[in-house]
């Protein structure tokens, strides 16, 4: 692995259009706006600062260690779908999330992760800038929601926790995946999951931070026979992953009217995607997106739609009419 100085890496990315000296010294407070969305603090950065954060994400943070067997968030070719698919065929499920996850990852935690993985980062003078990177990627002493650097840092931060919980689950014939702050554990019997809340909480404290707690309101054990809904997807009794019933109802109502009454189809499409200012064509594109989402989750469901409403109908609505201004 070739190693170059941080200044060389910076100039290679910014082509000398931005000053490395300014990157090392600018005031973060001048580049951030803070606002609330549903009582949650979110931060908007200036274009300049966002560019710097993307540089850090691309050049530094992509080298951080994470457990690629467990983590399905913020990783190419993984998604909420792959996180849920790992549990298809299981009969019982422990579901939880970590309360106030990003805000409870502190600047000291970021510094620890960067120190831990510094040998993997191909910057010769990386040690000199660990404090600066810790300052730039946190705000108010914590990891902010909305910074492009926060996702990879959060995965790196939970590396030891993910390893410990994965080992525990392997010893007890359980499957563990994580999508950001969502924790999913499954097995063949509900009894094997009843004591998991205490175990997971203990590992969070031991292997991540004493500040991290499970969200008790969102922690539950469920099993096949109930509706098993995880990350917006559903695991069926026969072990398939599919989209939620509300989306199926919407798709099937629209397909019914598409084949029987185009005026009613357009009216329902207009009401289903009632965003102001959007054209009917844009709303049909939303149906196109929903059908492709359904196919990616559950190809068998698309086959059922084709049998019921006709292959040509489904394929027509799944045609991309918007690429290349067609």
Protein backbone atom coordinates (compact mmCIF):
# COMPACT_ATOMS: atom_id res chain seq x y z
CA UNK A 1 0.00 0.00 0.00
CA UNK A 2 1.64 3.24 -1.15
CA UNK A 3 1.63 6.04 1.39
CA UNK A 4 1.66 9.75 0.72
CA UNK A 5 1.31 12.81 2.89
CA UNK A 6 -2.12 14.19 3.71
CA UNK A 7 -1.27 17.37 1.80
CA UNK A 8 -0.43 15.33 -1.30
CA UNK A 9 -3.71 13.41 -1.01
CA UNK A 10 -5.63 16.68 -0.50
CA UNK A 11 -4.08 18.34 -3.55
CA UNK A 12 -4.72 15.24 -5.68
CA UNK A 13 -8.44 15.42 -4.83
CA UNK A 14 -8.90 19.19 -4.98
CA UNK A 15 -6.40 19.83 -7.80
CA UNK A 16 -4.94 22.81 -5.92
CA UNK A 17 -8.28 24.68 -6.11
CA UNK A 18 -8.58 24.62 -2.33
CA UNK A 19 -5.86 25.50 0.15
CA UNK A 20 -4.55 22.71 2.36
CA UNK A 21 -3.57 25.35 4.93
CA UNK A 22 -7.20 26.49 5.09
CA UNK A 23 -8.37 22.87 5.48
CA UNK A 24 -6.12 22.58 8.52
CA UNK A 25 -7.24 25.84 10.15
CA UNK A 26 -10.75 26.94 9.13
CA UNK A 27 -13.41 27.44 11.83
CA UNK A 28 -16.08 24.73 11.72
CA UNK A 29 -18.68 26.96 13.41
CA UNK A 30 -18.71 29.25 10.36
CA UNK A 31 -19.68 26.35 8.09
CA UNK A 32 -22.64 24.73 9.94
CA UNK A 33 -26.36 25.46 10.32
CA UNK A 34 -28.32 23.56 12.96
CA UNK A 35 -32.08 22.89 12.73
CA UNK A 36 -34.75 20.51 14.04
CA UNK A 37 -36.66 17.86 12.10
CA UNK A 38 -39.34 16.17 14.24
CA UNK A 39 -37.49 17.26 17.39
CA UNK A 40 -34.25 15.73 16.10
CA UNK A 41 -31.18 17.90 15.60
CA UNK A 42 -29.88 17.82 12.05
CA UNK A 43 -26.92 19.75 10.67
CA UNK A 44 -26.46 21.33 7.28
CA UNK A 45 -22.90 22.09 6.21
CA UNK A 46 -21.60 24.62 3.71
CA UNK A 47 -20.57 23.30 0.31
CA UNK A 48 -16.92 23.88 1.20
CA UNK A 49 -17.13 21.94 4.46
CA UNK A 50 -19.16 19.19 2.83
CA UNK A 51 -16.41 18.81 0.24
CA UNK A 52 -13.82 18.49 3.01
CA UNK A 53 -15.91 15.89 4.82
CA UNK A 54 -16.31 13.87 1.62
CA UNK A 55 -12.55 14.00 1.19
CA UNK A 56 -12.09 12.60 4.71
CA UNK A 57 -14.72 9.93 4.03
CA UNK A 58 -13.12 8.86 0.74
CA UNK A 59 -9.44 9.03 1.67
CA UNK A 60 -9.48 8.13 5.38
CA UNK A 61 -12.67 6.55 6.65
CA UNK A 62 -13.13 3.94 3.92
CA UNK A 63 -10.13 2.17 5.46
CA UNK A 64 -11.69 1.82 8.93
CA UNK A 65 -12.28 -1.70 10.17
CA UNK A 66 -15.86 -2.99 10.33
CA UNK A 67 -17.40 -6.44 10.60
CA UNK A 68 -18.48 -7.06 7.02
CA UNK A 69 -20.36 -10.25 7.95
CA UNK A 70 -22.68 -8.39 10.31
CA UNK A 71 -22.96 -4.81 9.06
CA UNK A 72 -25.38 -4.00 6.22
CA UNK A 73 -25.58 -0.20 6.52
CA UNK A 74 -23.55 2.29 4.47
CA UNK A 75 -21.73 -0.46 2.57
CA UNK A 76 -21.82 -0.98 -1.18
CA UNK A 77 -23.96 -3.91 -2.31
CA UNK A 78 -25.54 -4.19 1.13
CA UNK A 79 -28.83 -2.71 2.28
CA UNK A 80 -31.80 -3.08 4.59
CA UNK A 81 -32.91 -5.89 2.26
CA UNK A 82 -29.70 -7.91 2.70
CA UNK A 83 -29.84 -7.31 6.47
CA UNK A 84 -33.30 -8.91 6.57
CA UNK A 85 -32.62 -11.65 4.02
CA UNK A 86 -29.98 -13.11 6.35
CA UNK A 87 -32.84 -14.06 8.69
CA UNK A 88 -35.20 -15.61 6.12
CA UNK A 89 -36.22 -19.09 7.19
CA UNK A 90 -35.79 -18.43 10.91
CA UNK A 91 -38.76 -18.74 13.29
CA UNK A 92 -38.08 -16.23 16.08
CA UNK A 93 -36.63 -12.73 16.09
CA UNK A 94 -35.13 -10.30 18.60
CA UNK A 95 -35.44 -6.72 17.33
CA UNK A 96 -34.06 -3.58 18.93
CA UNK A 97 -32.25 -0.36 18.21
CA UNK A 98 -29.71 1.81 20.00
CA UNK A 99 -31.16 4.91 21.58
CA UNK A 100 -29.73 8.25 20.34
CA UNK A 101 -26.99 6.36 18.55
CA UNK A 102 -25.01 9.05 16.69
CA UNK A 103 -25.22 11.70 19.47
CA UNK A 104 -23.77 9.20 21.96
CA UNK A 105 -20.65 8.61 19.87
CA UNK A 106 -18.27 11.21 21.27
CA UNK A 107 -15.18 12.96 19.96
CA UNK A 108 -13.02 10.75 22.21
CA UNK A 109 -14.63 7.67 20.63
CA UNK A 110 -13.80 8.97 17.16
CA UNK A 111 -10.21 9.60 18.19
CA UNK A 112 -9.96 6.06 19.62
CA UNK A 113 -11.23 4.53 16.35
CA UNK A 114 -8.78 6.57 14.28
CA UNK A 115 -5.91 5.59 16.59
CA UNK A 116 -6.94 1.92 16.42
CA UNK A 117 -6.96 1.80 12.62
CA UNK A 118 -4.15 4.23 11.80
CA UNK A 119 -1.89 1.48 10.44
CA UNK A 120 -4.50 0.73 7.75
CA UNK A 121 -4.78 4.30 6.50
CA UNK A 122 -2.41 5.05 3.57
CA UNK A 123 -1.38 8.53 4.79
CA UNK A 124 2.25 8.75 5.91
CA UNK A 125 1.70 11.60 8.38
CA UNK A 126 -1.77 10.55 9.53
CA UNK A 127 -0.78 10.70 13.22
CA UNK A 128 -0.29 14.45 12.98
CA UNK A 129 -3.92 15.01 11.95
CA UNK A 130 -5.91 12.65 14.18
CA UNK A 131 -7.02 15.51 16.44
CA UNK A 132 -8.04 17.60 13.43
CA UNK A 133 -10.06 14.75 11.91
CA UNK A 134 -11.76 14.16 15.27
CA UNK A 135 -12.71 17.85 15.43
CA UNK A 136 -13.95 18.04 11.84
CA UNK A 137 -16.16 14.94 12.04
CA UNK A 138 -17.89 15.87 15.31
CA UNK A 139 -19.98 18.82 16.42
CA UNK A 140 -20.70 19.75 20.02
CA UNK A 141 -18.49 16.83 21.02
CA UNK A 142 -20.63 14.18 19.26
CA UNK A 143 -21.13 12.49 15.91
CA UNK A 144 -23.77 14.53 14.03
CA UNK A 145 -26.67 13.22 11.98
CA UNK A 146 -26.22 14.50 8.43
CA UNK A 147 -22.43 14.58 8.17
CA UNK A 148 -21.21 12.33 5.30
CA UNK A 149 -18.48 11.04 7.64
CA UNK A 150 -20.82 9.80 10.39
CA UNK A 151 -21.95 6.50 8.79
CA UNK A 152 -18.49 4.93 8.35
CA UNK A 153 -17.35 6.22 11.75
CA UNK A 154 -20.39 4.60 13.39
CA UNK A 155 -19.61 1.26 11.73
CA UNK A 156 -15.99 1.47 12.83
CA UNK A 157 -17.01 2.46 16.34
CA UNK A 158 -19.16 -0.68 16.77
CA UNK A 159 -16.52 -3.08 15.38
CA UNK A 160 -15.66 -4.68 18.76
CA UNK A 161 -19.32 -4.82 19.76
CA UNK A 162 -20.30 -6.48 16.47
CA UNK A 163 -17.53 -9.07 16.88
CA UNK A 164 -18.53 -9.92 20.46
CA UNK A 165 -22.22 -10.22 19.67
CA UNK A 166 -21.53 -12.24 16.52
CA UNK A 167 -19.41 -14.70 18.52
CA UNK A 168 -22.13 -15.02 21.17
CA UNK A 169 -24.79 -15.64 18.52
CA UNK A 170 -22.66 -18.22 16.70
CA UNK A 171 -22.22 -20.19 19.95
CA UNK A 172 -26.00 -20.19 20.47
CA UNK A 173 -26.99 -21.01 16.86
CA UNK A 174 -28.35 -17.50 16.30
CA UNK A 175 -27.93 -15.10 13.38
CA UNK A 176 -27.01 -11.44 13.96
CA UNK A 177 -27.09 -8.51 11.55
CA UNK A 178 -27.04 -4.77 12.11
CA UNK A 179 -28.34 -1.93 9.97
CA UNK A 180 -27.06 1.36 11.45
CA UNK A 181 -28.59 1.40 14.95
CA UNK A 182 -31.03 -1.47 14.27
CA UNK A 183 -30.08 -4.82 15.79
CA UNK A 184 -31.62 -8.03 14.40
CA UNK A 185 -31.03 -11.48 15.92
CA UNK A 186 -32.90 -14.60 14.88
CA UNK A 187 -33.10 -18.28 15.70
CA UNK A 188 -35.37 -21.27 15.41
CA UNK A 189 -36.92 -21.03 18.89
CA UNK A 190 -38.28 -18.08 20.82
CA UNK A 191 -36.84 -19.35 24.12
CA UNK A 192 -33.29 -18.82 22.85
CA UNK A 193 -33.98 -15.07 22.52
CA UNK A 194 -35.64 -14.25 25.84
CA UNK A 195 -32.47 -13.20 27.68
CA UNK A 196 -30.90 -11.31 24.80
CA UNK A 197 -31.84 -7.81 25.96
CA UNK A 198 -29.48 -8.01 28.97
CA UNK A 199 -26.73 -9.69 26.92
CA UNK A 200 -26.83 -7.10 24.11
CA UNK A 201 -26.91 -4.24 26.61
CA UNK A 202 -23.91 -5.68 28.45
CA UNK A 203 -21.92 -5.93 25.22
CA UNK A 204 -22.80 -2.34 24.29
CA UNK A 205 -21.34 -1.14 27.59
CA UNK A 206 -18.30 -3.42 27.48
CA UNK A 207 -17.36 -3.17 23.81
CA UNK A 208 -18.70 0.22 22.69
CA UNK A 209 -19.63 2.82 25.30
CA UNK A 210 -21.36 3.05 28.71
CA UNK A 211 -23.42 5.85 27.13
CA UNK A 212 -25.16 3.48 24.69
CA UNK A 213 -28.49 1.94 25.67
CA UNK A 214 -31.07 -0.15 23.88
CA UNK A 215 -34.34 1.59 23.14
CA UNK A 216 -36.71 -0.30 25.42
CA UNK A 217 -39.78 0.95 23.56
CA UNK A 218 -38.54 -0.64 20.34
CA UNK A 219 -37.10 -3.84 21.81
CA UNK A 220 -39.22 -6.94 21.31
CA UNK A 221 -39.16 -10.65 20.57
CA UNK A 222 -41.54 -11.91 17.92
CA UNK A 223 -42.00 -15.10 15.91
CA UNK A 224 -43.49 -16.56 12.77
CA UNK A 225 -47.24 -16.63 13.26
CA UNK A 226 -47.19 -12.94 14.04
CA UNK A 227 -46.50 -10.38 11.34
CA UNK A 228 -42.70 -10.21 11.31
CA UNK A 229 -41.86 -6.71 10.05
CA UNK A 230 -38.18 -5.69 10.06
CA UNK A 231 -36.77 -2.48 8.57
CA UNK A 232 -39.99 -1.98 6.63
CA UNK A 233 -39.86 -5.48 5.13
CA UNK A 234 -41.81 -8.60 6.05
CA UNK A 235 -40.63 -12.19 6.53
CA UNK A 236 -43.42 -14.55 5.51
CA UNK A 237 -44.21 -17.89 7.23
CA UNK A 238 -42.62 -19.74 4.29
CA UNK A 239 -39.36 -17.83 4.80
CA UNK A 240 -39.56 -15.27 2.01
CA UNK A 241 -38.77 -11.58 2.39
CA UNK A 242 -41.39 -9.34 0.85
CA UNK A 243 -42.70 -5.77 0.95
CA UNK A 244 -45.28 -4.61 3.46
CA UNK A 245 -48.98 -5.27 2.84
CA UNK A 246 -49.79 -1.57 2.51
CA UNK A 247 -47.51 -1.33 -0.53
CA UNK A 248 -49.03 -4.46 -2.05
CA UNK A 249 -52.54 -3.05 -1.63
CA UNK A 250 -51.47 0.16 -3.36
CA UNK A 251 -49.78 -1.68 -6.25
CA UNK A 252 -52.69 -4.06 -6.79
CA UNK A 253 -55.34 -1.33 -6.69
CA UNK A 254 -53.40 0.68 -9.27
CA UNK A 255 -52.86 -2.37 -11.49
CA UNK A 256 -56.55 -3.24 -11.31
CA UNK A 257 -57.61 0.19 -12.56
CA UNK A 258 -54.77 0.32 -15.09
CA UNK A 259 -56.30 -2.76 -16.75
CA UNK A 260 -59.98 -1.75 -16.34
CA UNK A 261 -60.36 2.05 -16.20
CA UNK A 262 -57.51 4.43 -17.06
CA UNK A 263 -59.35 7.47 -15.67
CA UNK A 264 -59.73 5.78 -12.27
CA UNK A 265 -56.08 4.69 -12.51
CA UNK A 266 -54.96 8.28 -13.03
CA UNK A 267 -57.21 9.50 -10.23
CA UNK A 268 -55.90 6.87 -7.78
CA UNK A 269 -52.33 7.52 -8.87
CA UNK A 270 -52.89 11.23 -8.21
CA UNK A 271 -54.28 10.52 -4.74
CA UNK A 272 -51.68 7.88 -3.87
CA UNK A 273 -48.80 10.28 -4.54
CA UNK A 274 -50.40 13.56 -3.56
CA UNK A 275 -47.23 15.68 -3.38
CA UNK A 276 -48.06 19.17 -4.57
CA UNK A 277 -46.49 20.30 -7.80
CA UNK A 278 -45.71 16.81 -9.11
CA UNK A 279 -46.97 15.88 -12.55
CA UNK A 280 -48.89 12.69 -13.28
CA UNK A 281 -45.82 11.45 -15.13
CA UNK A 282 -43.71 11.93 -11.99
CA UNK A 283 -46.28 10.04 -9.96
CA UNK A 284 -46.25 7.18 -12.47
CA UNK A 285 -42.50 7.15 -11.99
CA UNK A 286 -43.12 6.61 -8.25
CA UNK A 287 -45.18 3.52 -9.13
CA UNK A 288 -42.31 2.41 -11.41
CA UNK A 289 -39.94 2.76 -8.44
CA UNK A 290 -42.27 0.85 -6.11
CA UNK A 291 -42.59 -2.03 -8.58
CA UNK A 292 -38.81 -2.27 -8.95
CA UNK A 293 -38.44 -2.14 -5.16
CA UNK A 294 -40.94 -5.01 -4.91
CA UNK A 295 -39.02 -7.02 -7.52
CA UNK A 296 -35.70 -6.52 -5.71
CA UNK A 297 -37.28 -7.75 -2.46
CA UNK A 298 -39.58 -10.48 -3.73
CA UNK A 299 -39.40 -11.57 -7.40
CA UNK A 300 -42.06 -14.22 -6.69
CA UNK A 301 -44.56 -11.45 -5.88
CA UNK A 302 -43.91 -9.79 -9.26
CA UNK A 303 -44.52 -13.15 -10.97
CA UNK A 304 -47.89 -13.37 -9.18
CA UNK A 305 -48.79 -9.88 -10.38
CA UNK A 306 -47.88 -10.87 -13.94
CA UNK A 307 -50.11 -13.93 -13.77
CA UNK A 308 -53.03 -11.91 -12.38
CA UNK A 309 -52.79 -8.70 -14.42
CA UNK A 310 -50.75 -9.79 -17.42
CA UNK A 311 -47.04 -9.84 -18.19
CA UNK A 312 -47.35 -6.95 -20.65
CA UNK A 313 -49.14 -4.71 -18.13
CA UNK A 314 -46.54 -5.21 -15.41
CA UNK A 315 -43.61 -4.88 -17.81
CA UNK A 316 -45.09 -1.68 -19.30
CA UNK A 317 -45.35 -0.05 -15.87
CA UNK A 318 -41.82 -1.22 -15.04
CA UNK A 319 -40.38 0.30 -18.24
CA UNK A 320 -38.01 3.21 -17.66
CA UNK A 321 -39.56 6.04 -19.69
CA UNK A 322 -37.49 8.74 -18.04
CA UNK A 323 -33.85 7.86 -18.74
CA UNK A 324 -32.05 9.83 -21.44
CA UNK A 325 -35.13 12.07 -21.79
CA UNK A 326 -37.01 9.32 -23.61
